[in-house]
Protein backbone atom coordinates (compact mmCIF):
# COMPACT_ATOMS: atom_id res chain seq x y z
CA MET A 1 -17.88 -1.23 32.77
CA GLU A 2 -17.77 -0.83 29.02
CA LYS A 3 -19.92 -2.82 26.51
CA ILE A 4 -18.10 -4.76 23.76
CA ASN A 5 -19.67 -4.48 20.30
CA HIS A 6 -19.23 -7.73 18.50
CA SER A 7 -19.62 -6.16 14.97
CA GLN A 8 -16.42 -4.21 15.41
CA TYR A 9 -13.33 -4.67 13.28
CA VAL A 10 -11.68 -7.92 14.14
CA LYS A 11 -8.15 -8.38 12.77
CA ARG A 12 -7.50 -11.81 11.26
CA THR A 13 -4.61 -13.79 9.97
CA GLN A 14 -4.13 -15.41 6.74
CA ARG A 15 -4.67 -18.93 8.08
CA ASP A 16 -8.38 -18.02 9.09
CA TYR A 17 -9.63 -17.67 5.50
CA SER A 18 -11.33 -20.81 4.41
CA MET A 19 -12.17 -21.53 0.80
CA SER A 20 -15.90 -21.08 1.49
CA PHE A 21 -15.20 -17.67 3.29
CA LYS A 22 -13.12 -16.43 0.18
CA LEU A 23 -15.87 -17.55 -2.22
CA GLN A 24 -18.57 -15.85 -0.09
CA VAL A 25 -16.69 -12.58 -0.03
CA VAL A 26 -16.07 -12.88 -3.86
CA ARG A 27 -19.79 -13.50 -4.39
CA GLU A 28 -20.78 -10.51 -2.32
CA ILE A 29 -18.38 -8.24 -4.16
CA GLU A 30 -19.34 -9.38 -7.56
CA SER A 31 -23.10 -9.11 -6.76
CA GLY A 32 -22.56 -5.50 -5.89
CA GLU A 33 -23.57 -5.85 -2.18
CA LEU A 34 -20.02 -4.90 -0.94
CA SER A 35 -17.15 -3.00 -2.32
CA MET A 36 -13.66 -4.36 -1.75
CA THR A 37 -12.93 -1.66 0.90
CA ALA A 38 -16.31 -2.43 2.62
CA ALA A 39 -15.59 -6.26 2.44
CA THR A 40 -12.14 -5.81 4.17
CA ARG A 41 -13.84 -3.59 6.96
CA LYS A 42 -16.84 -6.01 7.42
CA TYR A 43 -14.88 -9.07 7.61
CA GLY A 44 -11.66 -7.75 9.20
CA ILE A 45 -9.55 -8.86 6.23
CA GLN A 46 -5.93 -7.23 6.67
CA ALA A 47 -5.23 -6.15 3.06
CA ARG A 48 -7.37 -5.35 -0.05
CA SER A 49 -4.78 -6.99 -2.01
CA SER A 50 -5.96 -10.34 -0.53
CA VAL A 51 -9.33 -9.66 -1.71
CA ARG A 52 -8.14 -8.62 -5.18
CA ASN A 53 -6.20 -11.88 -5.42
CA TRP A 54 -9.32 -13.98 -4.45
CA LEU A 55 -11.42 -11.91 -7.10
CA ARG A 56 -8.70 -13.03 -9.75
CA LYS A 57 -8.55 -16.46 -8.70
CA TYR A 58 -12.32 -17.32 -8.00
CA GLY A 59 -14.19 -14.58 -9.66
CA THR A 60 -16.06 -14.25 -12.89
CA PHE A 61 -14.25 -11.18 -14.07
CA ASP A 62 -12.00 -11.51 -17.02
CA TRP A 63 -8.91 -9.58 -15.84
CA GLU A 64 -6.99 -9.91 -19.09
CA ASN A 65 -9.53 -8.24 -21.13
CA GLN A 66 -11.34 -6.30 -18.37
CA THR A 67 -14.67 -7.55 -19.03
CA PRO A 68 -16.69 -10.05 -16.84
CA SER A 69 -16.42 -13.47 -18.50
CA TYR A 70 -20.04 -14.24 -18.48
CA MET A 71 -20.62 -11.27 -20.85
CA PRO A 72 -20.29 -12.25 -24.45
CA LYS A 73 -17.91 -10.13 -26.41
CA SER A 74 -19.15 -8.04 -29.31
CA GLN A 75 -17.87 -8.43 -32.90
CA GLU A 76 -15.89 -5.15 -32.61
CA GLN A 77 -14.14 -6.42 -29.47
CA LYS A 78 -13.45 -9.82 -31.21
CA ILE A 79 -12.04 -7.91 -34.38
CA LEU A 80 -9.86 -5.69 -32.17
CA GLU A 81 -8.56 -8.68 -30.31
CA LEU A 82 -7.81 -10.50 -33.56
CA GLU A 83 -6.20 -7.43 -35.13
CA ALA A 84 -3.97 -7.08 -31.95
CA ARG A 85 -3.05 -10.83 -32.31
CA VAL A 86 -2.26 -10.41 -36.04
CA LYS A 87 0.17 -7.49 -35.27
CA LEU A 88 1.82 -9.47 -32.63
CA LEU A 89 2.27 -12.48 -34.93
CA GLU A 90 3.64 -10.26 -37.59
CA LYS A 91 5.99 -8.69 -35.31
CA GLN A 92 7.26 -12.17 -34.17
CA LYS A 93 7.55 -13.49 -37.86
CA ALA A 94 9.70 -10.38 -38.74
CA PHE A 95 11.89 -11.05 -35.84
CA LEU A 96 12.35 -14.69 -36.82
CA GLU A 97 12.97 -13.81 -40.48
CA HIS A 98 15.64 -11.24 -39.20
CA GLN A 99 17.18 -14.13 -37.12
CA VAL A 100 17.17 -16.67 -40.18
CA ASP A 101 18.82 -14.02 -42.34
CA ARG A 102 21.46 -13.30 -39.76
CA ALA A 103 22.24 -16.95 -39.19
CA ASP A 104 22.50 -17.48 -43.09
CA ARG A 105 25.08 -14.58 -43.23
CA LYS A 106 27.07 -16.03 -40.42
CA ALA A 107 27.04 -19.42 -42.17
CA VAL A 108 28.37 -17.77 -45.34
CA LEU A 109 31.01 -15.84 -43.40
CA PHE A 110 32.21 -18.78 -41.58
CA ASP A 111 32.47 -20.71 -44.92
CA MET A 112 34.49 -17.93 -46.35
CA MET A 113 36.79 -17.86 -43.22
CA ILE A 114 37.41 -21.58 -43.55
CA ASP A 115 38.18 -21.35 -47.20
CA LEU A 116 40.53 -18.51 -46.61
CA ALA A 117 42.26 -20.33 -43.80
CA GLU A 118 42.68 -23.50 -46.01
CA LYS A 119 44.29 -21.50 -48.79
CA GLU A 120 46.31 -19.38 -46.25
CA PHE A 121 47.70 -22.21 -44.30
CA ASN A 122 47.54 -24.99 -46.94
CA ILE A 123 45.86 -27.46 -44.53
CA PRO A 124 42.47 -29.25 -45.05
CA ILE A 125 40.11 -27.92 -42.37
CA ARG A 126 36.93 -29.59 -43.67
CA LYS A 127 36.56 -33.08 -43.11
CA LYS A 128 36.05 -34.88 -46.34
CA CYS A 129 34.32 -38.22 -45.82
CA SER A 130 32.28 -40.25 -48.18
CA PRO A 131 28.80 -41.49 -47.28
CA GLU A 132 30.17 -45.00 -47.11
CA GLN A 133 32.72 -44.12 -44.40
CA SER A 134 29.93 -42.59 -42.18
CA THR A 135 27.69 -45.66 -42.54
CA LEU A 136 30.50 -48.12 -41.77
CA ALA A 137 31.57 -45.99 -38.73
CA GLY A 138 27.99 -46.32 -37.29
CA LYS A 139 27.82 -50.08 -37.89
CA LYS A 140 31.16 -50.53 -36.00
CA GLU A 141 29.81 -48.66 -32.97
CA LYS A 142 26.72 -50.77 -32.97
CA LYS A 143 28.68 -54.07 -32.84
CA ARG A 144 30.50 -52.85 -29.69
């Protein structure tokens, strides 16, 4: 008969992974005891992407800036991040200014088109109402 070695690879399903198990794997990888590949082999985890997702969710590594979150950022890193943020905000500001300029030009163009249509067809297109009329209309609607 053949002996069964209990430390061999055991394929697991996603439902088997408890929160404590995930945290234990993350702790071992972050402490340097295991690599991601070694952890998948040791614990029979089907894919490295599962471990990577656990590291992103439960680990202390700052995936956005690629530095451990417990490590303080140097002044140079902070300055670089702020400069990148300033560039992004300047780009957004330029885009919004362009949009405002474009909207203003459209408004002027539409006014010119209305003026031209009023002259060409001899009909009043713009509604001419006094402020008194608009307040009276609002009071009538409230009474109903």
